Amino acid sequence: MSGVSRRSFLGGAAAAGVAAASTVFAGPAEAAAGRG
């Protein structure tokens, strides 16, 4: 059971990291595109 919960936790952390990264990089990227 611990293996499954750990895998779920890591999956959630990875998803959160991807969401945070996309948010952080999307802002400047959109701003640069808007200025372009």
N, C-alpha and C. Protein backbone atom coordinates (compact mmCIF):
# COMPACT_ATOMS: atom_id res chain seq x y z
N MET A 1 0.84 -1.21 0.00
CA MET A 1 0.00 0.00 0.00
C MET A 1 0.87 1.26 0.00
N SER A 2 1.98 1.20 0.76
CA SER A 2 2.83 2.39 0.86
C SER A 2 3.40 2.76 -0.52
N GLY A 3 3.69 1.71 -1.33
CA GLY A 3 4.22 1.99 -2.66
C GLY A 3 3.21 2.74 -3.51
N VAL A 4 1.95 2.35 -3.41
CA VAL A 4 0.91 3.01 -4.21
C VAL A 4 0.72 4.45 -3.75
N SER A 5 0.66 4.66 -2.44
CA SER A 5 0.45 6.01 -1.94
C SER A 5 1.63 6.90 -2.29
N ARG A 6 2.84 6.32 -2.22
CA ARG A 6 4.02 7.10 -2.56
C ARG A 6 4.00 7.49 -4.03
N ARG A 7 3.60 6.54 -4.87
CA ARG A 7 3.54 6.83 -6.30
C ARG A 7 2.51 7.92 -6.57
N SER A 8 1.38 7.85 -5.87
CA SER A 8 0.34 8.85 -6.05
C SER A 8 0.84 10.21 -5.61
N PHE A 9 1.57 10.23 -4.48
CA PHE A 9 2.09 11.49 -3.96
C PHE A 9 3.07 12.12 -4.95
N LEU A 10 3.98 11.28 -5.48
CA LEU A 10 4.97 11.79 -6.44
C LEU A 10 4.27 12.28 -7.71
N GLY A 11 3.24 11.56 -8.12
CA GLY A 11 2.49 11.97 -9.31
C GLY A 11 1.84 13.33 -9.08
N GLY A 12 1.26 13.52 -7.91
CA GLY A 12 0.62 14.79 -7.59
C GLY A 12 1.64 15.91 -7.52
N ALA A 13 2.79 15.62 -6.93
CA ALA A 13 3.84 16.64 -6.81
C ALA A 13 4.34 17.03 -8.20
N ALA A 14 4.51 16.04 -9.08
CA ALA A 14 4.98 16.31 -10.43
C ALA A 14 3.95 17.16 -11.18
N ALA A 15 2.68 16.82 -11.04
CA ALA A 15 1.63 17.59 -11.71
C ALA A 15 1.61 19.02 -11.20
N ALA A 16 1.78 19.18 -9.89
CA ALA A 16 1.79 20.52 -9.30
C ALA A 16 2.99 21.30 -9.81
N GLY A 17 4.13 20.62 -9.92
CA GLY A 17 5.34 21.28 -10.40
C GLY A 17 5.17 21.73 -11.84
N VAL A 18 4.57 20.88 -12.66
CA VAL A 18 4.36 21.23 -14.07
C VAL A 18 3.40 22.42 -14.17
N ALA A 19 2.34 22.39 -13.36
CA ALA A 19 1.37 23.49 -13.39
C ALA A 19 2.03 24.79 -12.95
N ALA A 20 2.84 24.72 -11.91
CA ALA A 20 3.52 25.92 -11.41
C ALA A 20 4.50 26.44 -12.45
N ALA A 21 5.26 25.53 -13.06
CA ALA A 21 6.24 25.94 -14.07
C ALA A 21 5.55 26.56 -15.27
N SER A 22 4.45 25.97 -15.72
CA SER A 22 3.74 26.51 -16.88
C SER A 22 3.19 27.89 -16.56
N THR A 23 2.75 28.09 -15.31
CA THR A 23 2.21 29.39 -14.91
C THR A 23 3.33 30.42 -14.87
N VAL A 24 4.47 30.01 -14.30
CA VAL A 24 5.60 30.94 -14.16
C VAL A 24 6.15 31.34 -15.52
N PHE A 25 6.26 30.38 -16.45
CA PHE A 25 6.87 30.67 -17.75
C PHE A 25 5.86 31.22 -18.75
N ALA A 26 4.58 30.94 -18.55
CA ALA A 26 3.57 31.41 -19.50
C ALA A 26 3.41 32.92 -19.40
N GLY A 27 3.52 33.48 -18.20
CA GLY A 27 3.37 34.93 -18.02
C GLY A 27 4.38 35.69 -18.85
N PRO A 28 5.69 35.50 -18.60
CA PRO A 28 6.72 36.20 -19.38
C PRO A 28 6.65 35.89 -20.87
N ALA A 29 6.32 34.65 -21.21
CA ALA A 29 6.26 34.27 -22.61
C ALA A 29 5.13 35.03 -23.31
N GLU A 30 3.98 35.12 -22.66
CA GLU A 30 2.86 35.84 -23.25
C GLU A 30 3.17 37.33 -23.32
N ALA A 31 3.84 37.85 -22.30
CA ALA A 31 4.20 39.27 -22.28
C ALA A 31 5.15 39.57 -23.43
N ALA A 32 6.14 38.67 -23.64
CA ALA A 32 7.10 38.87 -24.72
C ALA A 32 6.39 38.79 -26.07
N ALA A 33 5.46 37.86 -26.21
CA ALA A 33 4.74 37.71 -27.47
C ALA A 33 3.87 38.94 -27.72
N GLY A 34 3.27 39.46 -26.64
CA GLY A 34 2.42 40.64 -26.78
C GLY A 34 3.24 41.86 -27.20
N ARG A 35 4.46 41.95 -26.68
CA ARG A 35 5.31 43.09 -27.01
C ARG A 35 5.83 42.99 -28.43
N GLY A 36 6.10 41.72 -28.84
CA GLY A 36 6.72 41.49 -30.13
C GLY A 36 6.01 42.21 -31.27
